[in-house]
Amino acid sequence: MPGRAVTTNVVSMTTSVPVPAESAPETTGGRSVTDRLVESNHAYAAKFTDPGMDARPVLQVAVVACMDARLDLHAALGLELGDCHTIRNAGGVVTDDTIRSLTISQRALGTRTVILIHHTGCGLESLTEDFRHELEDEVGQRPAWAVEAFRDVDQDVRQSMQRVRTNPFLPHKDDVRGFVFDVHTGLLREIDPTS
């Protein structure tokens, strides 16, 4: 955001690490972060006017991206409220649940284009499937889901594009493109699916 200093801290991802006091959830006068967000919602709702939109995205596009807090997808892509469906998860990886959302997006709500966005410096590049084993050791049960960690962001975008293009539930697979967002420059770099 213009005029706002942004500090980025890189931390390794583990299964359970105590939160240092300086990183503890913000509280102000006994209020939690959630309390502050709910209060902000009340201020928003006081000025809210129903835009009269339908659930169908105006641009008929679904964007699949990482959940990383540094990605402001609407600003980065010049999108407005109602333009797209946004599906986010760790890594922006096309998982079974992503396919579920895309299938509903296409078949029930009219999207035809799929844009996949991974990014530089993703936390999934520092994880392995050992993360699941660590969780199993800690809680006594292994997660049913895969971590979907990767070492090569470009190759993972290609794999995600391939998962979309070969899925039988998705009727619209002609306009599927993948990108890597550079968290330092804000630029998208398109990935050639055949490289």
Protein backbone atom coordinates (compact mmCIF):
# COMPACT_ATOMS: atom_id res chain seq x y z
CA MET A 1 0.00 0.00 0.00
CA PRO A 2 1.32 3.45 -0.80
CA GLY A 3 2.54 5.35 2.23
CA ARG A 4 2.53 2.29 4.46
CA ALA A 5 5.76 0.62 5.54
CA VAL A 6 5.58 -3.14 5.32
CA THR A 7 7.87 -5.34 7.38
CA THR A 8 8.28 -8.93 6.30
CA ASN A 9 9.59 -11.54 8.71
CA VAL A 10 10.56 -14.94 7.38
CA VAL A 11 10.05 -17.76 9.85
CA SER A 12 10.40 -21.48 9.43
CA MET A 13 7.15 -23.41 9.55
CA THR A 14 6.79 -26.13 12.15
CA THR A 15 3.91 -28.05 13.65
CA SER A 16 3.75 -26.40 17.06
CA VAL A 17 5.97 -23.59 18.20
CA PRO A 18 5.17 -21.37 21.16
CA VAL A 19 4.38 -17.84 20.01
CA PRO A 20 7.00 -15.42 21.36
CA ALA A 21 5.60 -12.63 23.54
CA GLU A 22 6.49 -9.98 20.96
CA SER A 23 4.51 -11.93 18.31
CA ALA A 24 1.53 -12.77 20.53
CA PRO A 25 -1.91 -11.81 19.21
CA GLU A 26 -2.47 -8.11 19.65
CA THR A 27 -4.69 -7.06 22.50
CA THR A 28 -5.72 -3.55 23.35
CA GLY A 29 -7.37 -2.95 26.67
CA GLY A 30 -8.38 -6.61 26.92
CA ARG A 31 -9.58 -6.75 23.28
CA SER A 32 -8.36 -9.53 21.02
CA VAL A 33 -7.56 -9.17 17.34
CA THR A 34 -10.91 -10.83 16.59
CA ASP A 35 -12.69 -8.24 18.75
CA ARG A 36 -10.96 -5.48 16.79
CA LEU A 37 -11.96 -7.06 13.47
CA VAL A 38 -15.58 -7.45 14.55
CA GLU A 39 -15.60 -3.80 15.62
CA SER A 40 -14.22 -2.85 12.19
CA ASN A 41 -17.04 -4.86 10.61
CA HIS A 42 -19.62 -2.83 12.52
CA ALA A 43 -18.10 0.39 11.12
CA TYR A 44 -18.08 -1.14 7.62
CA ALA A 45 -21.69 -2.34 7.91
CA ALA A 46 -22.83 1.11 9.07
CA LYS A 47 -21.74 2.52 5.67
CA PHE A 48 -22.53 -0.59 3.61
CA THR A 49 -24.87 -0.42 0.65
CA ASP A 50 -25.99 -3.64 -0.97
CA PRO A 51 -24.41 -3.57 -4.45
CA GLY A 52 -27.19 -5.82 -5.76
CA MET A 53 -24.75 -8.31 -7.21
CA ASP A 54 -25.34 -11.90 -8.06
CA ALA A 55 -22.94 -14.67 -6.96
CA ARG A 56 -21.75 -15.15 -10.56
CA PRO A 57 -18.41 -13.42 -11.16
CA VAL A 58 -18.70 -10.60 -13.69
CA LEU A 59 -15.47 -11.61 -15.48
CA GLN A 60 -16.29 -15.35 -15.38
CA VAL A 61 -12.87 -16.05 -13.86
CA ALA A 62 -11.70 -18.11 -10.89
CA VAL A 63 -8.32 -17.27 -9.35
CA VAL A 64 -6.52 -19.98 -7.36
CA ALA A 65 -3.76 -18.53 -5.20
CA CYS A 66 -1.69 -19.02 -2.09
CA MET A 67 -3.09 -17.85 1.24
CA ASP A 68 0.09 -15.84 1.90
CA ALA A 69 -0.80 -12.53 3.58
CA ARG A 70 1.51 -10.61 1.23
CA LEU A 71 -0.72 -11.26 -1.81
CA ASP A 72 -3.40 -8.60 -2.32
CA LEU A 73 -4.94 -10.29 -5.33
CA HIS A 74 -7.61 -7.72 -6.11
CA ALA A 75 -5.08 -4.89 -6.13
CA ALA A 76 -2.43 -6.91 -8.00
CA LEU A 77 -4.85 -7.93 -10.75
CA GLY A 78 -6.95 -4.75 -10.90
CA LEU A 79 -10.06 -6.60 -9.78
CA GLU A 80 -13.18 -5.11 -8.24
CA LEU A 81 -15.73 -6.66 -5.91
CA GLY A 82 -17.79 -9.18 -7.86
CA ASP A 83 -15.26 -9.71 -10.66
CA CYS A 84 -13.97 -13.17 -9.72
CA HIS A 85 -14.06 -16.18 -7.47
CA THR A 86 -10.96 -16.37 -5.29
CA ILE A 87 -9.86 -19.78 -4.01
CA ARG A 88 -6.92 -19.70 -1.62
CA ASN A 89 -4.95 -22.35 0.22
CA ALA A 90 -1.39 -23.03 1.36
CA GLY A 91 0.76 -22.78 -1.77
CA GLY A 92 -2.13 -22.12 -4.15
CA VAL A 93 -1.89 -25.81 -5.02
CA VAL A 94 -4.69 -27.51 -6.97
CA THR A 95 -5.91 -30.08 -4.43
CA ASP A 96 -9.13 -32.12 -4.36
CA ASP A 97 -10.81 -29.31 -2.43
CA THR A 98 -9.63 -26.77 -5.01
CA ILE A 99 -11.18 -28.96 -7.73
CA ARG A 100 -14.40 -29.06 -5.68
CA SER A 101 -14.51 -25.25 -5.57
CA LEU A 102 -13.59 -24.88 -9.25
CA THR A 103 -16.25 -27.40 -10.27
CA ILE A 104 -18.93 -25.47 -8.39
CA SER A 105 -17.54 -22.20 -9.76
CA GLN A 106 -17.74 -23.43 -13.36
CA ARG A 107 -20.81 -25.64 -13.35
CA ALA A 108 -23.08 -23.67 -11.00
CA LEU A 109 -21.78 -20.11 -11.27
CA GLY A 110 -20.57 -19.69 -14.83
CA THR A 111 -16.80 -19.21 -14.66
CA ARG A 112 -14.81 -20.20 -17.73
CA THR A 113 -11.26 -18.96 -17.06
CA VAL A 114 -8.85 -20.29 -14.41
CA ILE A 115 -5.81 -18.32 -13.27
CA LEU A 116 -3.32 -20.04 -10.95
CA ILE A 117 -0.95 -17.92 -8.86
CA HIS A 118 1.95 -19.22 -6.78
CA HIS A 119 4.58 -16.82 -5.43
CA THR A 120 8.25 -16.38 -4.60
CA GLY A 121 9.39 -17.21 -1.08
CA CYS A 122 6.52 -19.60 -0.36
CA GLY A 123 6.55 -21.43 2.97
CA LEU A 124 5.77 -24.72 1.23
CA GLU A 125 9.25 -24.63 -0.29
CA SER A 126 10.70 -25.16 3.20
CA LEU A 127 8.43 -28.05 4.20
CA THR A 128 8.38 -31.74 3.34
CA GLU A 129 5.87 -34.52 3.86
CA ASP A 130 7.69 -35.09 7.17
CA PHE A 131 5.38 -32.36 8.47
CA ARG A 132 2.57 -34.95 8.46
CA HIS A 133 4.72 -37.42 10.40
CA GLU A 134 5.54 -34.73 12.98
CA LEU A 135 1.82 -34.05 13.38
CA GLU A 136 1.17 -37.76 13.81
CA ASP A 137 3.87 -37.98 16.50
CA GLU A 138 2.43 -34.96 18.28
CA VAL A 139 -1.31 -35.71 18.18
CA GLY A 140 -1.42 -39.46 17.55
CA GLN A 141 -3.11 -39.25 14.17
CA ARG A 142 -1.71 -38.61 10.70
CA PRO A 143 -3.63 -36.05 8.61
CA ALA A 144 -5.53 -37.45 5.62
CA TRP A 145 -4.29 -34.55 3.48
CA ALA A 146 -0.92 -34.17 1.78
CA VAL A 147 1.30 -31.20 2.57
CA GLU A 148 1.84 -30.62 -1.19
CA ALA A 149 5.29 -29.15 -0.48
CA PHE A 150 7.48 -28.32 -3.46
CA ARG A 151 11.04 -27.28 -4.29
CA ASP A 152 10.47 -25.76 -7.74
CA VAL A 153 7.68 -23.18 -7.83
CA ASP A 154 7.54 -23.11 -11.64
CA GLN A 155 7.14 -26.88 -11.83
CA ASP A 156 4.44 -26.82 -9.17
CA VAL A 157 2.48 -24.24 -11.18
CA ARG A 158 2.79 -26.58 -14.21
CA GLN A 159 1.55 -29.50 -12.12
CA SER A 160 -1.41 -27.44 -10.91
CA MET A 161 -2.27 -26.40 -14.48
CA GLN A 162 -2.13 -30.06 -15.52
CA ARG A 163 -4.44 -31.07 -12.66
CA VAL A 164 -7.02 -28.54 -13.85
CA ARG A 165 -6.66 -29.44 -17.54
CA THR A 166 -7.08 -33.16 -16.97
CA ASN A 167 -9.89 -33.11 -14.43
CA PRO A 168 -13.10 -34.69 -15.76
CA PHE A 169 -15.38 -32.55 -13.56
CA LEU A 170 -14.25 -29.25 -15.09
CA PRO A 171 -15.96 -28.45 -18.41
CA HIS A 172 -13.92 -25.31 -19.20
CA LYS A 173 -10.21 -26.08 -19.55
CA ASP A 174 -9.20 -24.08 -22.63
CA ASP A 175 -8.30 -20.91 -20.72
CA VAL A 176 -6.07 -22.06 -17.85
CA ARG A 177 -2.92 -20.04 -17.19
CA GLY A 178 -0.38 -20.11 -14.39
CA PHE A 179 1.84 -17.43 -12.87
CA VAL A 180 4.40 -16.78 -10.14
CA PHE A 181 3.91 -13.53 -8.22
CA ASP A 182 7.14 -11.87 -7.09
CA VAL A 183 6.56 -10.68 -3.53
CA HIS A 184 9.38 -8.11 -3.87
CA THR A 185 8.35 -6.47 -7.15
CA GLY A 186 4.62 -7.20 -7.34
CA LEU A 187 5.00 -8.55 -10.88
CA LEU A 188 3.47 -11.72 -12.27
CA ARG A 189 5.65 -14.04 -14.35
CA GLU A 190 3.73 -16.39 -16.63
CA ILE A 191 4.72 -20.05 -16.59
CA ASP A 192 4.88 -21.98 -19.85
CA PRO A 193 2.98 -25.21 -19.24
CA THR A 194 5.19 -27.17 -21.64
CA SER A 195 8.68 -26.23 -20.36
